[in-house]
Amino acid sequence: RGVLIQRIWPNTPAEAAGILEGDVLVRIDGINTPSLRALQRIMRERLAVDQEIEAEFIRSGELIVLQVILEEMPR
């Protein structure tokens, strides 16, 4: 279980970190992300703009770990 990455926008922290469409986000800083709702709650309650996080993904059946620096979401 995790959050399927469906789209990566150009010039974003996700693109810079090497996240790819089709990756499945399973953990942020050791916290499981079983659903989009859980991810949104984690982002809102525990993370901050300019914070560097460790994001764990499943890509082609392999676990990969990427460092991502968070930015404010565009409105």
N, C-alpha and C. Protein backbone atom coordinates (compact mmCIF):
# COMPACT_ATOMS: atom_id res chain seq x y z
N ARG A 1 0.84 -1.19 0.00
CA ARG A 1 0.00 0.00 0.00
C ARG A 1 0.87 1.23 0.00
N GLY A 2 0.35 2.29 -0.58
CA GLY A 2 1.07 3.54 -0.66
C GLY A 2 0.32 4.49 -1.58
N VAL A 3 0.98 5.56 -1.95
CA VAL A 3 0.38 6.59 -2.79
C VAL A 3 1.06 6.55 -4.16
N LEU A 4 0.28 6.25 -5.20
CA LEU A 4 0.79 6.19 -6.56
C LEU A 4 1.06 7.60 -7.07
N ILE A 5 2.26 7.83 -7.57
CA ILE A 5 2.61 9.13 -8.15
C ILE A 5 2.16 9.11 -9.60
N GLN A 6 1.16 9.94 -9.90
CA GLN A 6 0.57 9.92 -11.24
C GLN A 6 1.16 10.99 -12.16
N ARG A 7 1.64 12.09 -11.58
CA ARG A 7 2.16 13.18 -12.41
C ARG A 7 3.28 13.88 -11.66
N ILE A 8 4.35 14.18 -12.37
CA ILE A 8 5.45 14.99 -11.84
C ILE A 8 5.54 16.25 -12.68
N TRP A 9 5.38 17.37 -12.05
CA TRP A 9 5.44 18.65 -12.76
C TRP A 9 6.90 19.08 -12.92
N PRO A 10 7.20 19.73 -14.04
CA PRO A 10 8.57 20.22 -14.26
C PRO A 10 8.96 21.28 -13.22
N ASN A 11 10.25 21.35 -12.95
CA ASN A 11 10.81 22.38 -12.06
C ASN A 11 10.22 22.35 -10.65
N THR A 12 9.98 21.16 -10.14
CA THR A 12 9.46 20.99 -8.78
C THR A 12 10.45 20.19 -7.95
N PRO A 13 10.31 20.23 -6.62
CA PRO A 13 11.18 19.41 -5.78
C PRO A 13 11.10 17.93 -6.13
N ALA A 14 9.92 17.47 -6.51
CA ALA A 14 9.76 16.05 -6.87
C ALA A 14 10.63 15.70 -8.08
N GLU A 15 10.59 16.53 -9.09
CA GLU A 15 11.42 16.29 -10.27
C GLU A 15 12.90 16.36 -9.91
N ALA A 16 13.28 17.36 -9.13
CA ALA A 16 14.68 17.53 -8.74
C ALA A 16 15.19 16.33 -7.94
N ALA A 17 14.32 15.72 -7.15
CA ALA A 17 14.72 14.58 -6.31
C ALA A 17 14.82 13.28 -7.10
N GLY A 18 14.23 13.26 -8.30
CA GLY A 18 14.27 12.05 -9.11
C GLY A 18 13.05 11.16 -8.98
N ILE A 19 11.97 11.70 -8.42
CA ILE A 19 10.73 10.93 -8.33
C ILE A 19 10.15 10.80 -9.73
N LEU A 20 9.64 9.61 -10.04
CA LEU A 20 9.10 9.34 -11.37
C LEU A 20 7.62 9.00 -11.30
N GLU A 21 6.90 9.31 -12.38
CA GLU A 21 5.52 8.88 -12.49
C GLU A 21 5.49 7.36 -12.42
N GLY A 22 4.57 6.82 -11.64
CA GLY A 22 4.49 5.38 -11.45
C GLY A 22 5.14 4.91 -10.16
N ASP A 23 5.98 5.75 -9.55
CA ASP A 23 6.54 5.41 -8.23
C ASP A 23 5.39 5.32 -7.23
N VAL A 24 5.57 4.51 -6.20
CA VAL A 24 4.57 4.41 -5.12
C VAL A 24 5.25 4.85 -3.83
N LEU A 25 4.77 5.96 -3.27
CA LEU A 25 5.30 6.49 -2.01
C LEU A 25 4.79 5.63 -0.86
N VAL A 26 5.71 5.06 -0.09
CA VAL A 26 5.31 4.18 1.02
C VAL A 26 5.63 4.75 2.40
N ARG A 27 6.62 5.66 2.49
CA ARG A 27 6.98 6.26 3.78
C ARG A 27 7.62 7.62 3.58
N ILE A 28 7.36 8.51 4.55
CA ILE A 28 8.04 9.80 4.64
C ILE A 28 8.66 9.87 6.03
N ASP A 29 9.96 10.05 6.08
CA ASP A 29 10.67 10.12 7.37
C ASP A 29 10.24 8.99 8.32
N GLY A 30 10.10 7.79 7.77
CA GLY A 30 9.76 6.62 8.56
C GLY A 30 8.29 6.45 8.88
N ILE A 31 7.44 7.36 8.42
CA ILE A 31 6.00 7.29 8.68
C ILE A 31 5.32 6.69 7.45
N ASN A 32 4.55 5.61 7.65
CA ASN A 32 3.85 4.97 6.53
C ASN A 32 2.85 5.92 5.88
N THR A 33 2.74 5.81 4.56
CA THR A 33 1.78 6.61 3.79
C THR A 33 0.86 5.65 3.02
N PRO A 34 -0.09 5.02 3.72
CA PRO A 34 -0.92 4.01 3.08
C PRO A 34 -1.98 4.55 2.12
N SER A 35 -2.25 5.86 2.19
CA SER A 35 -3.29 6.44 1.35
C SER A 35 -3.00 7.92 1.12
N LEU A 36 -3.69 8.50 0.15
CA LEU A 36 -3.55 9.93 -0.11
C LEU A 36 -4.00 10.73 1.11
N ARG A 37 -5.06 10.29 1.74
CA ARG A 37 -5.56 10.99 2.94
C ARG A 37 -4.49 11.00 4.04
N ALA A 38 -3.83 9.87 4.25
CA ALA A 38 -2.77 9.79 5.26
C ALA A 38 -1.61 10.71 4.89
N LEU A 39 -1.24 10.73 3.60
CA LEU A 39 -0.16 11.61 3.14
C LEU A 39 -0.51 13.07 3.40
N GLN A 40 -1.74 13.47 3.07
CA GLN A 40 -2.15 14.86 3.29
C GLN A 40 -2.09 15.22 4.77
N ARG A 41 -2.50 14.30 5.63
CA ARG A 41 -2.45 14.56 7.08
C ARG A 41 -1.01 14.72 7.55
N ILE A 42 -0.13 13.85 7.09
CA ILE A 42 1.29 13.94 7.46
C ILE A 42 1.87 15.27 6.99
N MET A 43 1.57 15.64 5.75
CA MET A 43 2.10 16.89 5.20
C MET A 43 1.62 18.09 6.03
N ARG A 44 0.36 18.07 6.40
CA ARG A 44 -0.23 19.19 7.13
C ARG A 44 0.27 19.26 8.58
N GLU A 45 0.39 18.11 9.24
CA GLU A 45 0.66 18.10 10.68
C GLU A 45 2.13 17.99 11.05
N ARG A 46 2.96 17.43 10.20
CA ARG A 46 4.33 17.11 10.62
C ARG A 46 5.43 17.73 9.80
N LEU A 47 5.10 18.27 8.62
CA LEU A 47 6.14 18.75 7.72
C LEU A 47 6.02 20.24 7.49
N ALA A 48 7.12 20.85 7.05
CA ALA A 48 7.15 22.29 6.85
C ALA A 48 7.90 22.63 5.56
N VAL A 49 7.57 23.79 5.01
CA VAL A 49 8.27 24.30 3.84
C VAL A 49 9.76 24.40 4.15
N ASP A 50 10.59 24.05 3.19
CA ASP A 50 12.05 24.07 3.27
C ASP A 50 12.63 22.92 4.10
N GLN A 51 11.79 22.05 4.61
CA GLN A 51 12.26 20.88 5.35
C GLN A 51 12.75 19.82 4.36
N GLU A 52 13.87 19.19 4.68
CA GLU A 52 14.35 18.07 3.87
C GLU A 52 13.82 16.78 4.48
N ILE A 53 13.20 15.97 3.64
CA ILE A 53 12.63 14.71 4.11
C ILE A 53 13.26 13.54 3.37
N GLU A 54 13.14 12.37 3.99
CA GLU A 54 13.53 11.13 3.35
C GLU A 54 12.25 10.44 2.90
N ALA A 55 12.11 10.24 1.60
CA ALA A 55 10.92 9.62 1.04
C ALA A 55 11.28 8.25 0.47
N GLU A 56 10.49 7.25 0.85
CA GLU A 56 10.73 5.89 0.39
C GLU A 56 9.65 5.51 -0.63
N PHE A 57 10.10 4.97 -1.76
CA PHE A 57 9.21 4.61 -2.86
C PHE A 57 9.46 3.18 -3.28
N ILE A 58 8.43 2.58 -3.86
CA ILE A 58 8.59 1.33 -4.60
C ILE A 58 8.62 1.71 -6.08
N ARG A 59 9.68 1.29 -6.76
CA ARG A 59 9.83 1.55 -8.20
C ARG A 59 10.23 0.23 -8.85
N SER A 60 9.39 -0.24 -9.74
CA SER A 60 9.66 -1.52 -10.44
C SER A 60 10.00 -2.63 -9.46
N GLY A 61 9.26 -2.67 -8.34
CA GLY A 61 9.44 -3.73 -7.36
C GLY A 61 10.60 -3.54 -6.39
N GLU A 62 11.36 -2.46 -6.55
CA GLU A 62 12.52 -2.18 -5.69
C GLU A 62 12.22 -1.00 -4.77
N LEU A 63 12.72 -1.06 -3.55
CA LEU A 63 12.61 0.07 -2.62
C LEU A 63 13.72 1.07 -2.93
N ILE A 64 13.34 2.32 -3.13
CA ILE A 64 14.34 3.38 -3.32
C ILE A 64 14.08 4.47 -2.29
N VAL A 65 15.13 5.15 -1.88
CA VAL A 65 15.03 6.22 -0.89
C VAL A 65 15.59 7.48 -1.52
N LEU A 66 14.80 8.55 -1.47
CA LEU A 66 15.20 9.83 -2.06
C LEU A 66 15.08 10.94 -1.01
N GLN A 67 15.95 11.92 -1.11
CA GLN A 67 15.87 13.11 -0.26
C GLN A 67 15.12 14.19 -1.04
N VAL A 68 14.14 14.81 -0.40
CA VAL A 68 13.31 15.83 -1.04
C VAL A 68 13.26 17.05 -0.13
N ILE A 69 13.46 18.24 -0.71
CA ILE A 69 13.29 19.49 0.03
C ILE A 69 11.92 20.04 -0.33
N LEU A 70 11.08 20.22 0.68
CA LEU A 70 9.70 20.63 0.44
C LEU A 70 9.61 22.11 0.11
N GLU A 71 8.68 22.43 -0.79
CA GLU A 71 8.35 23.81 -1.14
C GLU A 71 6.86 24.00 -0.92
N GLU A 72 6.46 25.26 -0.83
CA GLU A 72 5.04 25.57 -0.71
C GLU A 72 4.33 25.15 -1.99
N MET A 73 3.15 24.57 -1.83
CA MET A 73 2.38 24.16 -3.00
C MET A 73 1.81 25.38 -3.70
N PRO A 74 1.84 25.39 -5.04
CA PRO A 74 1.24 26.51 -5.76
C PRO A 74 -0.27 26.53 -5.56
N ARG A 75 -0.83 27.71 -5.64
CA ARG A 75 -2.29 27.84 -5.45
C ARG A 75 -2.98 27.97 -6.77
